[in-house]
Amino acid sequence: MTNNKNVEAEKPSPAPAPVPAAPVSRILNGLNALRRDNPWPEFIYGEIEPFFLPLDGGRRAGCEWGGGRELIIDTIRERKVELMVEVGCFLCGSTLQWLRASNKLTVIGVDPWDSNWAAYIERLAVDPLQMRTVFHLTDEQIAAIVANLRRHGNFAIALNNVRLFKNRFIPVRQRSPDALEYLHAREINPQMIYIDAGKHREDLDIAHKLFSQAVLCGDDWLWPDETGVMRMQEHVKLFAKENNLEIRNQRQSWVLLPGKKSETPPAGD
């Protein structure tokens, strides 16, 4: 006779029930959700005079910008860029340039806006190598900027400078590259990423990994570190070589564009 107990013991145990997949939420994705979760500060907009202060070496004859920013502006217009990420906004001087370049452009500004830049502006105004940045401002205007920074902080003063573009500027108070990961997780797909932060190769690598179709560009092409090495230029050149990208540069500004594909010779008969 067959031992029923042995037969039962030989039966395979049932497979465990599948773990239900986590629900996919769209509530965090897209520009509207990004605006909701990264609001502008409460501030007395309109009561403090805005100012234009980009750290690009000062204005040049016939232009309101210096530092080769026209290279970036031309790229925005030529490529019809409608969504741009700016890493390192400072007091939104360069942001004003991008927003004025196209009325269809939205800029996501990435900057912690921490500390306080009042003392830095004071030093800038008396430094022989940097004072040209504020040549277009009077002593009274510089004093007012410093006083307002001390009273209201970097974040409110920076956004006051772009208050006329509130519907097209989204502030994200984070550091790169964490901010890039944050935007990618929210399914934000910028067409251009402007890098003006810590001069780190990591920013290029992560931006390209997460947003491979975005045009990368930035500042500090001619900026030397404490050893005299033009560090950002070094990073950009190596990155461009590794990724077959074409470099265009003008004074402090640079842009990376897709390189020409090498033609494959026809196979021999």
Protein backbone atom coordinates (compact mmCIF):
# COMPACT_ATOMS: atom_id res chain seq x y z
CA MET A 1 0.00 0.00 0.00
CA THR A 2 1.06 3.53 -0.72
CA ASN A 3 1.89 5.59 2.30
CA ASN A 4 -0.39 8.63 1.97
CA LYS A 5 1.75 10.59 4.40
CA ASN A 6 4.86 10.16 2.19
CA VAL A 7 2.91 11.24 -0.92
CA GLU A 8 1.71 14.35 0.85
CA ALA A 9 5.23 15.10 1.99
CA GLU A 10 6.51 14.90 -1.59
CA LYS A 11 4.03 17.50 -2.90
CA PRO A 12 5.81 20.76 -3.75
CA SER A 13 4.96 23.63 -1.46
CA PRO A 14 2.91 26.37 -3.14
CA ALA A 15 4.81 29.35 -4.54
CA PRO A 16 4.62 32.47 -2.38
CA ALA A 17 2.11 35.05 -3.49
CA PRO A 18 3.70 37.80 -5.58
CA VAL A 19 4.43 41.04 -3.78
CA PRO A 20 2.17 43.72 -5.21
CA ALA A 21 4.04 46.44 -7.05
CA ALA A 22 4.24 49.80 -5.35
CA PRO A 23 1.68 52.18 -6.80
CA VAL A 24 3.15 54.62 -9.31
CA SER A 25 2.32 58.18 -8.32
CA ARG A 26 2.41 61.04 -10.79
CA ILE A 27 1.74 63.66 -8.15
CA LEU A 28 5.43 64.64 -7.97
CA ASN A 29 6.14 64.70 -11.69
CA GLY A 30 6.19 67.61 -14.10
CA LEU A 31 6.71 71.36 -13.89
CA ASN A 32 3.46 72.17 -12.11
CA ALA A 33 4.33 69.83 -9.23
CA LEU A 34 7.87 71.25 -9.16
CA ARG A 35 6.47 74.78 -8.85
CA ARG A 36 4.12 73.67 -6.08
CA ASP A 37 6.90 72.06 -4.04
CA ASN A 38 9.48 74.81 -4.60
CA PRO A 39 7.60 78.04 -3.91
CA TRP A 40 8.89 81.58 -4.02
CA PRO A 41 9.53 83.17 -0.61
CA GLU A 42 7.10 85.58 0.97
CA PHE A 43 8.63 88.98 0.30
CA ILE A 44 7.84 92.65 -0.28
CA TYR A 45 8.27 92.39 -4.05
CA GLY A 46 8.19 95.79 -5.72
CA GLU A 47 9.37 97.76 -2.67
CA ILE A 48 13.06 97.05 -3.21
CA GLU A 49 14.78 98.05 -6.43
CA PRO A 50 15.99 95.04 -8.43
CA PHE A 51 19.51 95.10 -9.84
CA PHE A 52 21.54 93.40 -12.53
CA LEU A 53 24.74 91.78 -11.21
CA PRO A 54 26.09 88.82 -13.19
CA LEU A 55 29.53 87.51 -12.26
CA ASP A 56 30.75 87.43 -15.85
CA GLY A 57 33.45 90.06 -15.89
CA GLY A 58 31.19 93.07 -16.43
CA ARG A 59 29.41 94.51 -19.41
CA ARG A 60 31.08 94.95 -22.74
CA ALA A 61 30.70 97.78 -25.23
CA GLY A 62 27.31 97.62 -26.90
CA CYS A 63 26.10 94.70 -24.77
CA GLU A 64 24.54 94.31 -21.35
CA TRP A 65 26.52 91.14 -20.83
CA GLY A 66 30.18 90.17 -20.69
CA GLY A 67 31.99 86.88 -20.30
CA GLY A 68 30.84 85.56 -23.66
CA ARG A 69 27.23 85.13 -22.54
CA GLU A 70 26.07 85.87 -26.09
CA LEU A 71 27.27 82.36 -26.94
CA ILE A 72 24.72 80.91 -24.51
CA ILE A 73 21.98 83.29 -25.62
CA ASP A 74 22.53 82.44 -29.29
CA THR A 75 22.30 78.73 -28.46
CA ILE A 76 19.02 79.25 -26.59
CA ARG A 77 17.55 81.02 -29.60
CA GLU A 78 18.98 78.78 -32.31
CA ARG A 79 17.85 75.58 -30.58
CA LYS A 80 14.52 77.07 -29.44
CA VAL A 81 15.19 76.02 -25.85
CA GLU A 82 12.04 76.15 -23.73
CA LEU A 83 13.30 74.49 -20.53
CA MET A 84 16.71 75.19 -19.02
CA VAL A 85 18.37 74.29 -15.72
CA GLU A 86 20.84 76.81 -14.30
CA VAL A 87 23.16 75.32 -11.68
CA GLY A 88 24.50 78.16 -9.55
CA CYS A 89 22.32 81.27 -9.88
CA PHE A 90 23.94 83.64 -7.38
CA LEU A 91 21.76 86.79 -7.50
CA CYS A 92 20.07 85.81 -10.78
CA GLY A 93 22.02 88.22 -13.00
CA SER A 94 22.68 85.60 -15.66
CA THR A 95 19.15 84.24 -15.17
CA LEU A 96 17.79 87.59 -16.34
CA GLN A 97 19.82 87.26 -19.52
CA TRP A 98 18.40 83.82 -20.32
CA LEU A 99 14.81 84.84 -19.59
CA ARG A 100 15.09 87.96 -21.72
CA ALA A 101 16.53 85.92 -24.60
CA SER A 102 13.25 84.06 -25.22
CA ASN A 103 9.74 84.64 -23.93
CA LYS A 104 9.09 80.90 -24.26
CA LEU A 105 11.92 79.90 -21.94
CA THR A 106 11.37 78.56 -18.41
CA VAL A 107 14.43 78.39 -16.14
CA ILE A 108 14.81 76.05 -13.18
CA GLY A 109 17.33 77.73 -10.88
CA VAL A 110 19.42 75.43 -8.69
CA ASP A 111 21.20 77.09 -5.79
CA PRO A 112 21.07 76.64 -2.00
CA TRP A 113 21.07 80.45 -1.57
CA ASP A 114 22.56 79.88 1.87
CA SER A 115 25.03 81.99 3.88
CA ASN A 116 24.94 85.74 3.12
CA TRP A 117 26.71 87.49 0.27
CA ALA A 118 26.67 91.05 1.60
CA ALA A 119 30.33 91.07 2.65
CA TYR A 120 31.31 89.44 -0.65
CA ILE A 121 29.66 92.26 -2.63
CA GLU A 122 31.48 94.82 -0.47
CA ARG A 123 34.83 93.16 -1.25
CA LEU A 124 33.93 92.87 -4.93
CA ALA A 125 33.41 96.62 -5.19
CA VAL A 126 36.94 97.43 -3.98
CA ASP A 127 38.92 94.55 -5.49
CA PRO A 128 40.96 95.90 -8.46
CA LEU A 129 40.59 92.59 -10.32
CA GLN A 130 36.84 92.26 -9.81
CA MET A 131 35.39 95.73 -9.42
CA ARG A 132 34.57 95.94 -13.14
CA THR A 133 31.67 93.60 -12.34
CA VAL A 134 29.94 96.49 -10.54
CA PHE A 135 31.08 99.41 -12.73
CA HIS A 136 27.49 99.92 -13.89
CA LEU A 137 26.31 100.46 -10.30
CA THR A 138 26.71 103.65 -8.26
CA ASP A 139 28.18 103.62 -4.76
CA GLU A 140 24.68 104.29 -3.40
CA GLN A 141 23.26 101.31 -5.30
CA ILE A 142 26.02 99.01 -4.04
CA ALA A 143 25.40 100.18 -0.46
CA ALA A 144 21.66 99.49 -0.85
CA ILE A 145 22.32 96.00 -2.26
CA VAL A 146 24.61 95.17 0.67
CA ALA A 147 22.09 96.49 3.23
CA ASN A 148 19.20 94.56 1.67
CA LEU A 149 21.21 91.34 1.54
CA ARG A 150 22.03 91.69 5.23
CA ARG A 151 18.40 92.36 6.08
CA HIS A 152 16.54 89.94 3.80
CA GLY A 153 19.10 87.27 2.81
CA ASN A 154 20.29 85.94 -0.54
CA PHE A 155 17.17 83.99 -1.55
CA ALA A 156 14.63 86.81 -1.34
CA ILE A 157 16.92 89.37 -2.97
CA ALA A 158 17.87 87.00 -5.81
CA LEU A 159 14.23 86.28 -6.62
CA ASN A 160 13.30 89.94 -6.34
CA ASN A 161 15.67 90.47 -9.28
CA VAL A 162 13.61 88.13 -11.49
CA ARG A 163 10.19 89.03 -10.07
CA LEU A 164 8.86 90.07 -13.50
CA PHE A 165 9.44 86.49 -14.67
CA LYS A 166 7.83 84.65 -11.76
CA ASN A 167 5.79 82.43 -14.07
CA ARG A 168 8.97 81.33 -15.89
CA PHE A 169 11.45 80.82 -13.03
CA ILE A 170 11.34 77.90 -10.57
CA PRO A 171 13.83 78.05 -7.66
CA VAL A 172 15.17 74.74 -6.33
CA ARG A 173 17.16 75.27 -3.14
CA GLN A 174 19.54 72.34 -3.43
CA ARG A 175 23.13 71.68 -4.43
CA SER A 176 24.31 69.89 -7.52
CA PRO A 177 24.48 67.01 -8.28
CA ASP A 178 21.72 66.12 -5.80
CA ALA A 179 19.41 68.62 -7.49
CA LEU A 180 19.92 66.92 -10.87
CA GLU A 181 18.92 63.56 -9.36
CA TYR A 182 15.89 65.26 -7.80
CA LEU A 183 14.77 66.72 -11.15
CA HIS A 184 15.31 63.43 -12.97
CA ALA A 185 13.21 61.55 -10.40
CA ARG A 186 10.41 64.03 -11.09
CA GLU A 187 10.61 63.40 -14.84
CA ILE A 188 11.84 66.89 -15.66
CA ASN A 189 13.57 66.91 -19.06
CA PRO A 190 15.54 70.11 -19.70
CA GLN A 191 16.86 70.93 -23.15
CA MET A 192 19.84 72.82 -21.74
CA ILE A 193 21.84 72.71 -18.49
CA TYR A 194 24.05 75.66 -17.58
CA ILE A 195 26.74 74.86 -14.99
CA ASP A 196 28.25 77.64 -12.89
CA ALA A 197 28.94 76.01 -9.55
CA GLY A 198 31.89 74.20 -7.97
CA LYS A 199 34.00 73.45 -11.08
CA HIS A 200 33.65 69.69 -10.53
CA ARG A 201 33.81 67.04 -13.27
CA GLU A 202 31.01 65.20 -11.45
CA ASP A 203 28.45 67.81 -12.52
CA LEU A 204 29.18 67.10 -16.20
CA ASP A 205 29.08 63.33 -15.80
CA ILE A 206 25.82 63.20 -13.88
CA ALA A 207 24.09 65.81 -16.05
CA HIS A 208 24.98 63.83 -19.17
CA LYS A 209 24.01 60.50 -17.61
CA LEU A 210 20.59 61.73 -16.47
CA PHE A 211 19.79 64.10 -19.34
CA SER A 212 21.69 62.74 -22.33
CA GLN A 213 19.75 64.87 -24.83
CA ALA A 214 20.37 68.17 -23.04
CA VAL A 215 22.95 70.68 -24.28
CA LEU A 216 25.55 71.23 -21.55
CA CYS A 217 27.08 74.68 -21.21
CA GLY A 218 28.51 76.89 -18.52
CA ASP A 219 30.89 79.48 -17.14
CA ASP A 220 34.50 79.67 -15.85
CA TRP A 221 36.31 78.62 -19.06
CA LEU A 222 39.21 80.92 -18.16
CA TRP A 223 38.97 80.59 -14.38
CA PRO A 224 42.29 79.43 -12.80
CA ASP A 225 42.37 77.57 -9.51
CA GLU A 226 44.94 78.24 -6.79
CA THR A 227 47.58 76.34 -8.78
CA GLY A 228 46.96 78.32 -11.95
CA VAL A 229 45.18 75.46 -13.75
CA MET A 230 42.03 76.40 -15.68
CA ARG A 231 40.15 73.64 -13.95
CA MET A 232 36.73 73.87 -15.61
CA GLN A 233 38.33 74.08 -19.05
CA GLU A 234 40.35 70.96 -18.25
CA HIS A 235 37.19 69.08 -17.20
CA VAL A 236 35.20 70.20 -20.24
CA LYS A 237 37.92 69.28 -22.74
CA LEU A 238 38.37 65.77 -21.36
CA PHE A 239 34.61 65.21 -21.06
CA ALA A 240 34.06 66.39 -24.65
CA LYS A 241 36.77 64.06 -25.95
CA GLU A 242 35.33 61.05 -24.11
CA ASN A 243 31.81 61.74 -25.37
CA ASN A 244 32.55 62.93 -28.92
CA LEU A 245 31.24 66.43 -28.32
CA GLU A 246 32.20 69.68 -30.02
CA ILE A 247 33.33 72.56 -27.81
CA ARG A 248 32.41 76.16 -28.57
CA ASN A 249 33.83 78.77 -26.23
CA GLN A 250 33.85 82.53 -26.00
CA ARG A 251 35.69 84.28 -23.17
CA GLN A 252 34.34 82.67 -19.97
CA SER A 253 31.46 80.78 -21.62
CA TRP A 254 31.41 77.33 -23.21
CA VAL A 255 28.87 75.09 -24.93
CA LEU A 256 29.04 71.37 -25.78
CA LEU A 257 27.28 70.23 -28.94
CA PRO A 258 27.06 66.82 -30.64
CA GLY A 259 30.21 66.12 -32.58
CA LYS A 260 30.31 65.07 -36.21
CA LYS A 261 29.89 61.35 -36.63
CA SER A 262 32.78 59.69 -38.37
CA GLU A 263 31.81 58.16 -41.67
CA THR A 264 32.20 54.40 -41.91
CA PRO A 265 34.20 53.50 -45.04
CA PRO A 266 32.39 51.16 -47.45
CA ALA A 267 33.22 47.51 -47.09
CA GLY A 268 35.59 46.12 -49.68
CA ASP A 269 34.36 43.76 -52.40
